[in-house]
Amino acid sequence: NAGFVWLVLLVPLALIGWFGLNNLKTVSPNIGSTGAAMGKVLTL
């Protein structure tokens, strides 16, 4: 349960983050598409 318990929090947090967070174009002007940006995260 030490591992499983975090799923109760992580799944809803992932949904909330997807709909509630923002990208600031003044800070990140050249991020491209969402898929491309996430590909950079996974690669690095």
PDB file of all heavy atoms in Angstrom:
ATOM      1  N   ASN A   1       0.822  -1.219   0.000  1.00  0.00           N
ATOM      2  CA  ASN A   1       0.000   0.000   0.000  1.00  0.00           C
ATOM      3  C   ASN A   1       0.853   1.265   0.000  1.00  0.00           C
ATOM      4  O   ASN A   1       0.374   2.340  -0.345  1.00  0.00           O
ATOM      5  CB  ASN A   1      -0.930   0.014   1.214  1.00  0.00           C
ATOM      6  CG  ASN A   1      -2.039  -1.023   1.104  1.00  0.00           C
ATOM      7  OD1 ASN A   1      -2.203  -1.667   0.069  1.00  0.00           O
ATOM      8  ND2 ASN A   1      -2.784  -1.217   2.182  1.00  0.00           N
ATOM      9  N   ALA A   2       2.118   1.130   0.394  1.00  0.00           N
ATOM     10  CA  ALA A   2       3.024   2.276   0.375  1.00  0.00           C
ATOM     11  C   ALA A   2       3.195   2.840  -1.019  1.00  0.00           C
ATOM     12  O   ALA A   2       3.481   4.032  -1.189  1.00  0.00           O
ATOM     13  CB  ALA A   2       4.388   1.862   0.932  1.00  0.00           C
ATOM     14  N   GLY A   3       3.029   2.019  -2.048  1.00  0.00           N
ATOM     15  CA  GLY A   3       3.074   2.502  -3.419  1.00  0.00           C
ATOM     16  C   GLY A   3       1.697   2.840  -3.952  1.00  0.00           C
ATOM     17  O   GLY A   3       1.479   3.898  -4.552  1.00  0.00           O
ATOM     18  N   PHE A   4       0.731   1.950  -3.715  1.00  0.00           N
ATOM     19  CA  PHE A   4      -0.597   2.124  -4.286  1.00  0.00           C
ATOM     20  C   PHE A   4      -1.311   3.387  -3.793  1.00  0.00           C
ATOM     21  O   PHE A   4      -2.108   3.990  -4.521  1.00  0.00           O
ATOM     22  CB  PHE A   4      -1.477   0.906  -3.969  1.00  0.00           C
ATOM     23  CG  PHE A   4      -1.050  -0.352  -4.661  1.00  0.00           C
ATOM     24  CD1 PHE A   4      -1.148  -1.589  -4.018  1.00  0.00           C
ATOM     25  CD2 PHE A   4      -0.534  -0.324  -5.946  1.00  0.00           C
ATOM     26  CE1 PHE A   4      -0.753  -2.757  -4.648  1.00  0.00           C
ATOM     27  CE2 PHE A   4      -0.134  -1.496  -6.596  1.00  0.00           C
ATOM     28  CZ  PHE A   4      -0.241  -2.704  -5.938  1.00  0.00           C
ATOM     29  N   VAL A   5      -1.038   3.813  -2.556  1.00  0.00           N
ATOM     30  CA  VAL A   5      -1.799   4.907  -1.971  1.00  0.00           C
ATOM     31  C   VAL A   5      -1.647   6.211  -2.760  1.00  0.00           C
ATOM     32  O   VAL A   5      -2.572   7.038  -2.811  1.00  0.00           O
ATOM     33  CB  VAL A   5      -1.402   5.116  -0.495  1.00  0.00           C
ATOM     34  CG1 VAL A   5       0.028   5.662  -0.381  1.00  0.00           C
ATOM     35  CG2 VAL A   5      -2.373   6.046   0.212  1.00  0.00           C
ATOM     36  N   TRP A   6      -0.505   6.408  -3.428  1.00  0.00           N
ATOM     37  CA  TRP A   6      -0.283   7.667  -4.133  1.00  0.00           C
ATOM     38  C   TRP A   6      -1.115   7.776  -5.399  1.00  0.00           C
ATOM     39  O   TRP A   6      -1.347   8.882  -5.904  1.00  0.00           O
ATOM     40  CB  TRP A   6       1.204   7.836  -4.444  1.00  0.00           C
ATOM     41  CG  TRP A   6       2.014   7.709  -3.196  1.00  0.00           C
ATOM     42  CD1 TRP A   6       2.901   6.730  -2.874  1.00  0.00           C
ATOM     43  CD2 TRP A   6       1.938   8.563  -2.043  1.00  0.00           C
ATOM     44  NE1 TRP A   6       3.397   6.916  -1.612  1.00  0.00           N
ATOM     45  CE2 TRP A   6       2.826   8.036  -1.074  1.00  0.00           C
ATOM     46  CE3 TRP A   6       1.221   9.729  -1.745  1.00  0.00           C
ATOM     47  CZ2 TRP A   6       3.003   8.631   0.170  1.00  0.00           C
ATOM     48  CZ3 TRP A   6       1.403  10.305  -0.497  1.00  0.00           C
ATOM     49  CH2 TRP A   6       2.280   9.775   0.436  1.00  0.00           C
ATOM     50  N   LEU A   7      -1.600   6.646  -5.904  1.00  0.00           N
ATOM     51  CA  LEU A   7      -2.456   6.696  -7.093  1.00  0.00           C
ATOM     52  C   LEU A   7      -3.760   7.432  -6.806  1.00  0.00           C
ATOM     53  O   LEU A   7      -4.340   8.065  -7.697  1.00  0.00           O
ATOM     54  CB  LEU A   7      -2.754   5.274  -7.578  1.00  0.00           C
ATOM     55  CG  LEU A   7      -1.536   4.421  -7.957  1.00  0.00           C
ATOM     56  CD1 LEU A   7      -1.983   3.015  -8.340  1.00  0.00           C
ATOM     57  CD2 LEU A   7      -0.759   5.062  -9.087  1.00  0.00           C
ATOM     58  N   VAL A   8      -4.218   7.347  -5.565  1.00  0.00           N
ATOM     59  CA  VAL A   8      -5.462   8.032  -5.177  1.00  0.00           C
ATOM     60  C   VAL A   8      -5.330   9.541  -5.359  1.00  0.00           C
ATOM     61  O   VAL A   8      -6.311  10.230  -5.666  1.00  0.00           O
ATOM     62  CB  VAL A   8      -5.810   7.692  -3.707  1.00  0.00           C
ATOM     63  CG1 VAL A   8      -7.055   8.427  -3.259  1.00  0.00           C
ATOM     64  CG2 VAL A   8      -5.986   6.182  -3.547  1.00  0.00           C
ATOM     65  N   LEU A   9      -4.125  10.074  -5.183  1.00  0.00           N
ATOM     66  CA  LEU A   9      -3.895  11.511  -5.334  1.00  0.00           C
ATOM     67  C   LEU A   9      -3.420  11.872  -6.734  1.00  0.00           C
ATOM     68  O   LEU A   9      -3.809  12.907  -7.289  1.00  0.00           O
ATOM     69  CB  LEU A   9      -2.854  11.974  -4.311  1.00  0.00           C
ATOM     70  CG  LEU A   9      -3.212  11.778  -2.836  1.00  0.00           C
ATOM     71  CD1 LEU A   9      -2.012  12.127  -1.960  1.00  0.00           C
ATOM     72  CD2 LEU A   9      -4.407  12.622  -2.455  1.00  0.00           C
ATOM     73  N   LEU A  10      -2.592  11.031  -7.335  1.00  0.00           N
ATOM     74  CA  LEU A  10      -1.944  11.394  -8.595  1.00  0.00           C
ATOM     75  C   LEU A  10      -2.915  11.426  -9.769  1.00  0.00           C
ATOM     76  O   LEU A  10      -2.801  12.296 -10.646  1.00  0.00           O
ATOM     77  CB  LEU A  10      -0.808  10.414  -8.894  1.00  0.00           C
ATOM     78  CG  LEU A  10       0.416  10.539  -8.000  1.00  0.00           C
ATOM     79  CD1 LEU A  10       1.363   9.369  -8.214  1.00  0.00           C
ATOM     80  CD2 LEU A  10       1.132  11.863  -8.271  1.00  0.00           C
ATOM     81  N   VAL A  11      -3.848  10.515  -9.809  1.00  0.00           N
ATOM     82  CA  VAL A  11      -4.780  10.485 -10.949  1.00  0.00           C
ATOM     83  C   VAL A  11      -5.631  11.753 -11.010  1.00  0.00           C
ATOM     84  O   VAL A  11      -5.697  12.420 -12.052  1.00  0.00           O
ATOM     85  CB  VAL A  11      -5.652   9.213 -10.905  1.00  0.00           C
ATOM     86  CG1 VAL A  11      -6.732   9.272 -11.972  1.00  0.00           C
ATOM     87  CG2 VAL A  11      -4.775   7.972 -11.107  1.00  0.00           C
ATOM     88  N   PRO A  12      -6.304  12.176  -9.919  1.00  0.00           N
ATOM     89  CA  PRO A  12      -7.050  13.443 -10.010  1.00  0.00           C
ATOM     90  C   PRO A  12      -6.170  14.661 -10.200  1.00  0.00           C
ATOM     91  O   PRO A  12      -6.549  15.617 -10.883  1.00  0.00           O
ATOM     92  CB  PRO A  12      -7.806  13.507  -8.670  1.00  0.00           C
ATOM     93  CG  PRO A  12      -7.120  12.557  -7.767  1.00  0.00           C
ATOM     94  CD  PRO A  12      -6.549  11.492  -8.630  1.00  0.00           C
ATOM     95  N   LEU A  13      -4.968  14.652  -9.624  1.00  0.00           N
ATOM     96  CA  LEU A  13      -4.071  15.789  -9.805  1.00  0.00           C
ATOM     97  C   LEU A  13      -3.652  15.947 -11.250  1.00  0.00           C
ATOM     98  O   LEU A  13      -3.500  17.076 -11.756  1.00  0.00           O
ATOM     99  CB  LEU A  13      -2.831  15.628  -8.925  1.00  0.00           C
ATOM    100  CG  LEU A  13      -2.942  16.129  -7.485  1.00  0.00           C
ATOM    101  CD1 LEU A  13      -1.688  15.763  -6.709  1.00  0.00           C
ATOM    102  CD2 LEU A  13      -3.175  17.637  -7.449  1.00  0.00           C
ATOM    103  N   ALA A  14      -3.469  14.832 -11.946  1.00  0.00           N
ATOM    104  CA  ALA A  14      -3.121  14.903 -13.358  1.00  0.00           C
ATOM    105  C   ALA A  14      -4.248  15.573 -14.154  1.00  0.00           C
ATOM    106  O   ALA A  14      -3.999  16.393 -15.044  1.00  0.00           O
ATOM    107  CB  ALA A  14      -2.844  13.508 -13.906  1.00  0.00           C
ATOM    108  N   LEU A  15      -5.485  15.246 -13.833  1.00  0.00           N
ATOM    109  CA  LEU A  15      -6.628  15.866 -14.516  1.00  0.00           C
ATOM    110  C   LEU A  15      -6.724  17.357 -14.199  1.00  0.00           C
ATOM    111  O   LEU A  15      -6.931  18.189 -15.089  1.00  0.00           O
ATOM    112  CB  LEU A  15      -7.918  15.156 -14.107  1.00  0.00           C
ATOM    113  CG  LEU A  15      -8.076  13.710 -14.595  1.00  0.00           C
ATOM    114  CD1 LEU A  15      -9.310  13.076 -13.966  1.00  0.00           C
ATOM    115  CD2 LEU A  15      -8.174  13.669 -16.114  1.00  0.00           C
ATOM    116  N   ILE A  16      -6.567  17.705 -12.925  1.00  0.00           N
ATOM    117  CA  ILE A  16      -6.653  19.114 -12.525  1.00  0.00           C
ATOM    118  C   ILE A  16      -5.551  19.928 -13.184  1.00  0.00           C
ATOM    119  O   ILE A  16      -5.763  21.042 -13.666  1.00  0.00           O
ATOM    120  CB  ILE A  16      -6.578  19.233 -10.985  1.00  0.00           C
ATOM    121  CG1 ILE A  16      -7.816  18.598 -10.346  1.00  0.00           C
ATOM    122  CG2 ILE A  16      -6.450  20.694 -10.556  1.00  0.00           C
ATOM    123  CD1 ILE A  16      -7.721  18.445  -8.845  1.00  0.00           C
ATOM    124  N   GLY A  17      -4.332  19.384 -13.223  1.00  0.00           N
ATOM    125  CA  GLY A  17      -3.225  20.088 -13.835  1.00  0.00           C
ATOM    126  C   GLY A  17      -3.428  20.318 -15.321  1.00  0.00           C
ATOM    127  O   GLY A  17      -3.091  21.384 -15.854  1.00  0.00           O
ATOM    128  N   TRP A  18      -3.973  19.339 -16.004  1.00  0.00           N
ATOM    129  CA  TRP A  18      -4.201  19.465 -17.446  1.00  0.00           C
ATOM    130  C   TRP A  18      -5.137  20.632 -17.768  1.00  0.00           C
ATOM    131  O   TRP A  18      -4.913  21.381 -18.712  1.00  0.00           O
ATOM    132  CB  TRP A  18      -4.782  18.166 -17.982  1.00  0.00           C
ATOM    133  CG  TRP A  18      -5.093  18.193 -19.449  1.00  0.00           C
ATOM    134  CD1 TRP A  18      -6.304  18.407 -20.028  1.00  0.00           C
ATOM    135  CD2 TRP A  18      -4.162  18.018 -20.524  1.00  0.00           C
ATOM    136  NE1 TRP A  18      -6.195  18.365 -21.408  1.00  0.00           N
ATOM    137  CE2 TRP A  18      -4.897  18.131 -21.735  1.00  0.00           C
ATOM    138  CE3 TRP A  18      -2.797  17.775 -20.584  1.00  0.00           C
ATOM    139  CZ2 TRP A  18      -4.287  18.003 -22.986  1.00  0.00           C
ATOM    140  CZ3 TRP A  18      -2.194  17.651 -21.826  1.00  0.00           C
ATOM    141  CH2 TRP A  18      -2.937  17.762 -23.011  1.00  0.00           C
ATOM    142  N   PHE A  19      -6.179  20.786 -16.957  1.00  0.00           N
ATOM    143  CA  PHE A  19      -7.178  21.821 -17.248  1.00  0.00           C
ATOM    144  C   PHE A  19      -6.916  23.144 -16.535  1.00  0.00           C
ATOM    145  O   PHE A  19      -7.463  24.171 -16.933  1.00  0.00           O
ATOM    146  CB  PHE A  19      -8.576  21.309 -16.866  1.00  0.00           C
ATOM    147  CG  PHE A  19      -9.077  20.202 -17.746  1.00  0.00           C
ATOM    148  CD1 PHE A  19      -9.115  18.892 -17.281  1.00  0.00           C
ATOM    149  CD2 PHE A  19      -9.489  20.457 -19.047  1.00  0.00           C
ATOM    150  CE1 PHE A  19      -9.564  17.861 -18.082  1.00  0.00           C
ATOM    151  CE2 PHE A  19      -9.948  19.431 -19.874  1.00  0.00           C
ATOM    152  CZ  PHE A  19      -9.990  18.125 -19.392  1.00  0.00           C
ATOM    153  N   GLY A  20      -6.090  23.144 -15.472  1.00  0.00           N
ATOM    154  CA  GLY A  20      -5.964  24.358 -14.674  1.00  0.00           C
ATOM    155  C   GLY A  20      -4.668  25.122 -14.776  1.00  0.00           C
ATOM    156  O   GLY A  20      -4.605  26.285 -14.391  1.00  0.00           O
ATOM    157  N   LEU A  21      -3.595  24.502 -15.311  1.00  0.00           N
ATOM    158  CA  LEU A  21      -2.296  25.164 -15.391  1.00  0.00           C
ATOM    159  C   LEU A  21      -2.147  25.965 -16.684  1.00  0.00           C
ATOM    160  O   LEU A  21      -2.913  25.784 -17.633  1.00  0.00           O
ATOM    161  CB  LEU A  21      -1.172  24.128 -15.289  1.00  0.00           C
ATOM    162  CG  LEU A  21      -1.052  23.408 -13.946  1.00  0.00           C
ATOM    163  CD1 LEU A  21      -0.090  22.225 -14.051  1.00  0.00           C
ATOM    164  CD2 LEU A  21      -0.591  24.371 -12.855  1.00  0.00           C
ATOM    165  N   ASN A  22      -1.145  26.838 -16.713  1.00  0.00           N
ATOM    166  CA  ASN A  22      -0.917  27.700 -17.870  1.00  0.00           C
ATOM    167  C   ASN A  22       0.529  27.670 -18.336  1.00  0.00           C
ATOM    168  O   ASN A  22       1.449  27.500 -17.542  1.00  0.00           O
ATOM    169  CB  ASN A  22      -1.281  29.154 -17.536  1.00  0.00           C
ATOM    170  CG  ASN A  22      -2.741  29.322 -17.191  1.00  0.00           C
ATOM    171  OD1 ASN A  22      -3.086  29.473 -16.030  1.00  0.00           O
ATOM    172  ND2 ASN A  22      -3.604  29.280 -18.189  1.00  0.00           N
ATOM    173  N   ASN A  23       0.713  27.865 -19.647  1.00  0.00           N
ATOM    174  CA  ASN A  23       2.008  28.195 -20.235  1.00  0.00           C
ATOM    175  C   ASN A  23       2.078  29.700 -20.426  1.00  0.00           C
ATOM    176  O   ASN A  23       1.123  30.301 -20.933  1.00  0.00           O
ATOM    177  CB  ASN A  23       2.186  27.528 -21.610  1.00  0.00           C
ATOM    178  CG  ASN A  23       2.126  26.020 -21.542  1.00  0.00           C
ATOM    179  OD1 ASN A  23       2.755  25.405 -20.694  1.00  0.00           O
ATOM    180  ND2 ASN A  23       1.367  25.421 -22.459  1.00  0.00           N
ATOM    181  N   LEU A  24       3.173  30.327 -20.019  1.00  0.00           N
ATOM    182  CA  LEU A  24       3.367  31.758 -20.237  1.00  0.00           C
ATOM    183  C   LEU A  24       4.198  31.946 -21.506  1.00  0.00           C
ATOM    184  O   LEU A  24       5.386  31.604 -21.531  1.00  0.00           O
ATOM    185  CB  LEU A  24       4.075  32.397 -19.039  1.00  0.00           C
ATOM    186  CG  LEU A  24       3.344  32.338 -17.704  1.00  0.00           C
ATOM    187  CD1 LEU A  24       4.177  33.014 -16.615  1.00  0.00           C
ATOM    188  CD2 LEU A  24       1.964  32.973 -17.800  1.00  0.00           C
ATOM    189  N   LYS A  25       3.577  32.478 -22.557  1.00  0.00           N
ATOM    190  CA  LYS A  25       4.290  32.641 -23.825  1.00  0.00           C
ATOM    191  C   LYS A  25       5.380  33.699 -23.739  1.00  0.00           C
ATOM    192  O   LYS A  25       6.314  33.689 -24.540  1.00  0.00           O
ATOM    193  CB  LYS A  25       3.306  32.984 -24.942  1.00  0.00           C
ATOM    194  CG  LYS A  25       2.229  31.936 -25.185  1.00  0.00           C
ATOM    195  CD  LYS A  25       2.836  30.608 -25.636  1.00  0.00           C
ATOM    196  CE  LYS A  25       3.286  30.655 -27.086  1.00  0.00           C
ATOM    197  NZ  LYS A  25       3.711  29.334 -27.584  1.00  0.00           N
ATOM    198  N   THR A  26       5.278  34.605 -22.775  1.00  0.00           N
ATOM    199  CA  THR A  26       6.358  35.577 -22.581  1.00  0.00           C
ATOM    200  C   THR A  26       7.614  34.907 -22.028  1.00  0.00           C
ATOM    201  O   THR A  26       8.728  35.420 -22.195  1.00  0.00           O
ATOM    202  CB  THR A  26       5.914  36.683 -21.608  1.00  0.00           C
ATOM    203  OG1 THR A  26       5.426  36.077 -20.399  1.00  0.00           O
ATOM    204  CG2 THR A  26       4.806  37.529 -22.220  1.00  0.00           C
ATOM    205  N   VAL A  27       7.443  33.778 -21.366  1.00  0.00           N
ATOM    206  CA  VAL A  27       8.560  33.028 -20.800  1.00  0.00           C
ATOM    207  C   VAL A  27       8.990  31.903 -21.748  1.00  0.00           C
ATOM    208  O   VAL A  27      10.181  31.634 -21.916  1.00  0.00           O
ATOM    209  CB  VAL A  27       8.178  32.436 -19.429  1.00  0.00           C
ATOM    210  CG1 VAL A  27       9.284  31.543 -18.874  1.00  0.00           C
ATOM    211  CG2 VAL A  27       7.858  33.552 -18.444  1.00  0.00           C
ATOM    212  N   SER A  28       8.004  31.250 -22.368  1.00  0.00           N
ATOM    213  CA  SER A  28       8.258  30.088 -23.235  1.00  0.00           C
ATOM    214  C   SER A  28       7.650  30.345 -24.614  1.00  0.00           C
ATOM    215  O   SER A  28       6.614  29.768 -24.963  1.00  0.00           O
ATOM    216  CB  SER A  28       7.647  28.832 -22.617  1.00  0.00           C
ATOM    217  OG  SER A  28       7.904  28.758 -21.240  1.00  0.00           O
ATOM    218  N   PRO A  29       8.272  31.205 -25.436  1.00  0.00           N
ATOM    219  CA  PRO A  29       7.645  31.611 -26.701  1.00  0.00           C
ATOM    220  C   PRO A  29       7.715  30.565 -27.804  1.00  0.00           C
ATOM    221  O   PRO A  29       6.955  30.645 -28.772  1.00  0.00           O
ATOM    222  CB  PRO A  29       8.438  32.859 -27.092  1.00  0.00           C
ATOM    223  CG  PRO A  29       9.774  32.677 -26.457  1.00  0.00           C
ATOM    224  CD  PRO A  29       9.512  31.950 -25.172  1.00  0.00           C
ATOM    225  N   ASN A  30       8.608  29.577 -27.685  1.00  0.00           N
ATOM    226  CA  ASN A  30       8.835  28.658 -28.808  1.00  0.00           C
ATOM    227  C   ASN A  30       8.663  27.196 -28.400  1.00  0.00           C
ATOM    228  O   ASN A  30       9.458  26.340 -28.777  1.00  0.00           O
ATOM    229  CB  ASN A  30      10.252  28.866 -29.371  1.00  0.00           C
ATOM    230  CG  ASN A  30      10.482  30.281 -29.846  1.00  0.00           C
ATOM    231  OD1 ASN A  30       9.696  30.828 -30.607  1.00  0.00           O
ATOM    232  ND2 ASN A  30      11.563  30.889 -29.377  1.00  0.00           N
ATOM    233  N   ILE A  31       7.589  26.919 -27.671  1.00  0.00           N
ATOM    234  CA  ILE A  31       7.421  25.546 -27.179  1.00  0.00           C
ATOM    235  C   ILE A  31       6.819  24.621 -28.233  1.00  0.00           C
ATOM    236  O   ILE A  31       6.912  23.409 -28.111  1.00  0.00           O
ATOM    237  CB  ILE A  31       6.552  25.518 -25.904  1.00  0.00           C
ATOM    238  CG1 ILE A  31       5.193  26.169 -26.147  1.00  0.00           C
ATOM    239  CG2 ILE A  31       7.265  26.182 -24.754  1.00  0.00           C
ATOM    240  CD1 ILE A  31       4.274  26.112 -24.934  1.00  0.00           C
ATOM    241  N   GLY A  32       6.205  25.179 -29.283  1.00  0.00           N
ATOM    242  CA  GLY A  32       5.589  24.343 -30.292  1.00  0.00           C
ATOM    243  C   GLY A  32       4.318  23.696 -29.793  1.00  0.00           C
ATOM    244  O   GLY A  32       3.653  24.193 -28.877  1.00  0.00           O
ATOM    245  N   SER A  33       3.974  22.540 -30.361  1.00  0.00           N
ATOM    246  CA  SER A  33       2.756  21.844 -29.967  1.00  0.00           C
ATOM    247  C   SER A  33       2.931  21.197 -28.597  1.00  0.00           C
ATOM    248  O   SER A  33       4.050  20.991 -28.122  1.00  0.00           O
ATOM    249  CB  SER A  33       2.411  20.757 -30.993  1.00  0.00           C
ATOM    250  OG  SER A  33       3.386  19.730 -30.964  1.00  0.00           O
ATOM    251  N   THR A  34       1.800  20.848 -27.979  1.00  0.00           N
ATOM    252  CA  THR A  34       1.850  20.188 -26.677  1.00  0.00           C
ATOM    253  C   THR A  34       2.591  18.863 -26.760  1.00  0.00           C
ATOM    254  O   THR A  34       3.416  18.531 -25.904  1.00  0.00           O
ATOM    255  CB  THR A  34       0.424  19.964 -26.140  1.00  0.00           C
ATOM    256  OG1 THR A  34      -0.222  21.235 -25.987  1.00  0.00           O
ATOM    257  CG2 THR A  34       0.452  19.254 -24.795  1.00  0.00           C
ATOM    258  N   GLY A  35       2.319  18.099 -27.820  1.00  0.00           N
ATOM    259  CA  GLY A  35       2.987  16.809 -27.984  1.00  0.00           C
ATOM    260  C   GLY A  35       4.495  16.950 -28.137  1.00  0.00           C
ATOM    261  O   GLY A  35       5.268  16.180 -27.552  1.00  0.00           O
ATOM    262  N   ALA A  36       4.914  17.948 -28.933  1.00  0.00           N
ATOM    263  CA  ALA A  36       6.347  18.168 -29.131  1.00  0.00           C
ATOM    264  C   ALA A  36       7.022  18.577 -27.825  1.00  0.00           C
ATOM    265  O   ALA A  36       8.128  18.129 -27.507  1.00  0.00           O
ATOM    266  CB  ALA A  36       6.566  19.233 -30.198  1.00  0.00           C
ATOM    267  N   ALA A  37       6.343  19.442 -27.055  1.00  0.00           N
ATOM    268  CA  ALA A  37       6.906  19.890 -25.777  1.00  0.00           C
ATOM    269  C   ALA A  37       7.075  18.713 -24.823  1.00  0.00           C
ATOM    270  O   ALA A  37       8.110  18.572 -24.150  1.00  0.00           O
ATOM    271  CB  ALA A  37       6.012  20.956 -25.156  1.00  0.00           C
ATOM    272  N   MET A  38       6.068  17.847 -24.756  1.00  0.00           N
ATOM    273  CA  MET A  38       6.154  16.701 -23.859  1.00  0.00           C
ATOM    274  C   MET A  38       7.213  15.711 -24.337  1.00  0.00           C
ATOM    275  O   MET A  38       7.862  15.035 -23.519  1.00  0.00           O
ATOM    276  CB  MET A  38       4.794  16.029 -23.743  1.00  0.00           C
ATOM    277  CG  MET A  38       3.775  16.908 -23.036  1.00  0.00           C
ATOM    278  SD  MET A  38       2.179  16.102 -22.844  1.00  0.00           S
ATOM    279  CE  MET A  38       1.259  17.416 -22.009  1.00  0.00           C
ATOM    280  N   GLY A  39       7.406  15.617 -25.642  1.00  0.00           N
ATOM    281  CA  GLY A  39       8.463  14.768 -26.169  1.00  0.00           C
ATOM    282  C   GLY A  39       9.834  15.226 -25.701  1.00  0.00           C
ATOM    283  O   GLY A  39      10.716  14.405 -25.398  1.00  0.00           O
ATOM    284  N   LYS A  40      10.038  16.544 -25.607  1.00  0.00           N
ATOM    285  CA  LYS A  40      11.310  17.076 -25.108  1.00  0.00           C
ATOM    286  C   LYS A  40      11.516  16.690 -23.643  1.00  0.00           C
ATOM    287  O   LYS A  40      12.623  16.322 -23.229  1.00  0.00           O
ATOM    288  CB  LYS A  40      11.334  18.590 -25.259  1.00  0.00           C
ATOM    289  CG  LYS A  40      11.241  19.101 -26.688  1.00  0.00           C
ATOM    290  CD  LYS A  40      11.059  20.615 -26.716  1.00  0.00           C
ATOM    291  CE  LYS A  40      10.722  21.115 -28.115  1.00  0.00           C
ATOM    292  NZ  LYS A  40      10.423  22.575 -28.118  1.00  0.00           N
ATOM    293  N   VAL A  41      10.450  16.789 -22.849  1.00  0.00           N
ATOM    294  CA  VAL A  41      10.546  16.413 -21.432  1.00  0.00           C
ATOM    295  C   VAL A  41      10.952  14.948 -21.299  1.00  0.00           C
ATOM    296  O   VAL A  41      11.880  14.606 -20.557  1.00  0.00           O
ATOM    297  CB  VAL A  41       9.204  16.657 -20.706  1.00  0.00           C
ATOM    298  CG1 VAL A  41       9.248  16.082 -19.291  1.00  0.00           C
ATOM    299  CG2 VAL A  41       8.886  18.143 -20.641  1.00  0.00           C
ATOM    300  N   LEU A  42      10.277  14.066 -22.030  1.00  0.00           N
ATOM    301  CA  LEU A  42      10.550  12.636 -21.929  1.00  0.00           C
ATOM    302  C   LEU A  42      11.964  12.306 -22.398  1.00  0.00           C
ATOM    303  O   LEU A  42      12.656  11.476 -21.785  1.00  0.00           O
ATOM    304  CB  LEU A  42       9.525  11.859 -22.753  1.00  0.00           C
ATOM    305  CG  LEU A  42       8.075  11.912 -22.244  1.00  0.00           C
ATOM    306  CD1 LEU A  42       7.141  11.241 -23.231  1.00  0.00           C
ATOM    307  CD2 LEU A  42       7.959  11.256 -20.866  1.00  0.00           C
ATOM    308  N   THR A  43      12.411  12.959 -23.473  1.00  0.00           N
ATOM    309  CA  THR A  43      13.750  12.686 -23.997  1.00  0.00           C
ATOM    310  C   THR A  43      14.828  13.092 -22.998  1.00  0.00           C
ATOM    311  O   THR A  43      15.755  12.321 -22.708  1.00  0.00           O
ATOM    312  CB  THR A  43      13.973  13.432 -25.321  1.00  0.00           C
ATOM    313  OG1 THR A  43      13.013  12.985 -26.285  1.00  0.00           O
ATOM    314  CG2 THR A  43      15.378  13.186 -25.856  1.00  0.00           C
ATOM    315  N   LEU A  44      14.713  14.292 -22.452  1.00  0.00           N
ATOM    316  CA  LEU A  44      15.745  14.786 -21.541  1.00  0.00           C
ATOM    317  C   LEU A  44      15.706  14.052 -20.196  1.00  0.00           C
ATOM    318  O   LEU A  44      16.754  13.818 -19.576  1.00  0.00           O
ATOM    319  CB  LEU A  44      15.599  16.289 -21.351  1.00  0.00           C
ATOM    320  CG  LEU A  44      15.851  17.118 -22.620  1.00  0.00           C
ATOM    321  CD1 LEU A  44      15.598  18.598 -22.365  1.00  0.00           C
ATOM    322  CD2 LEU A  44      17.262  16.909 -23.137  1.00  0.00           C
TER     323      LEU A  44
END
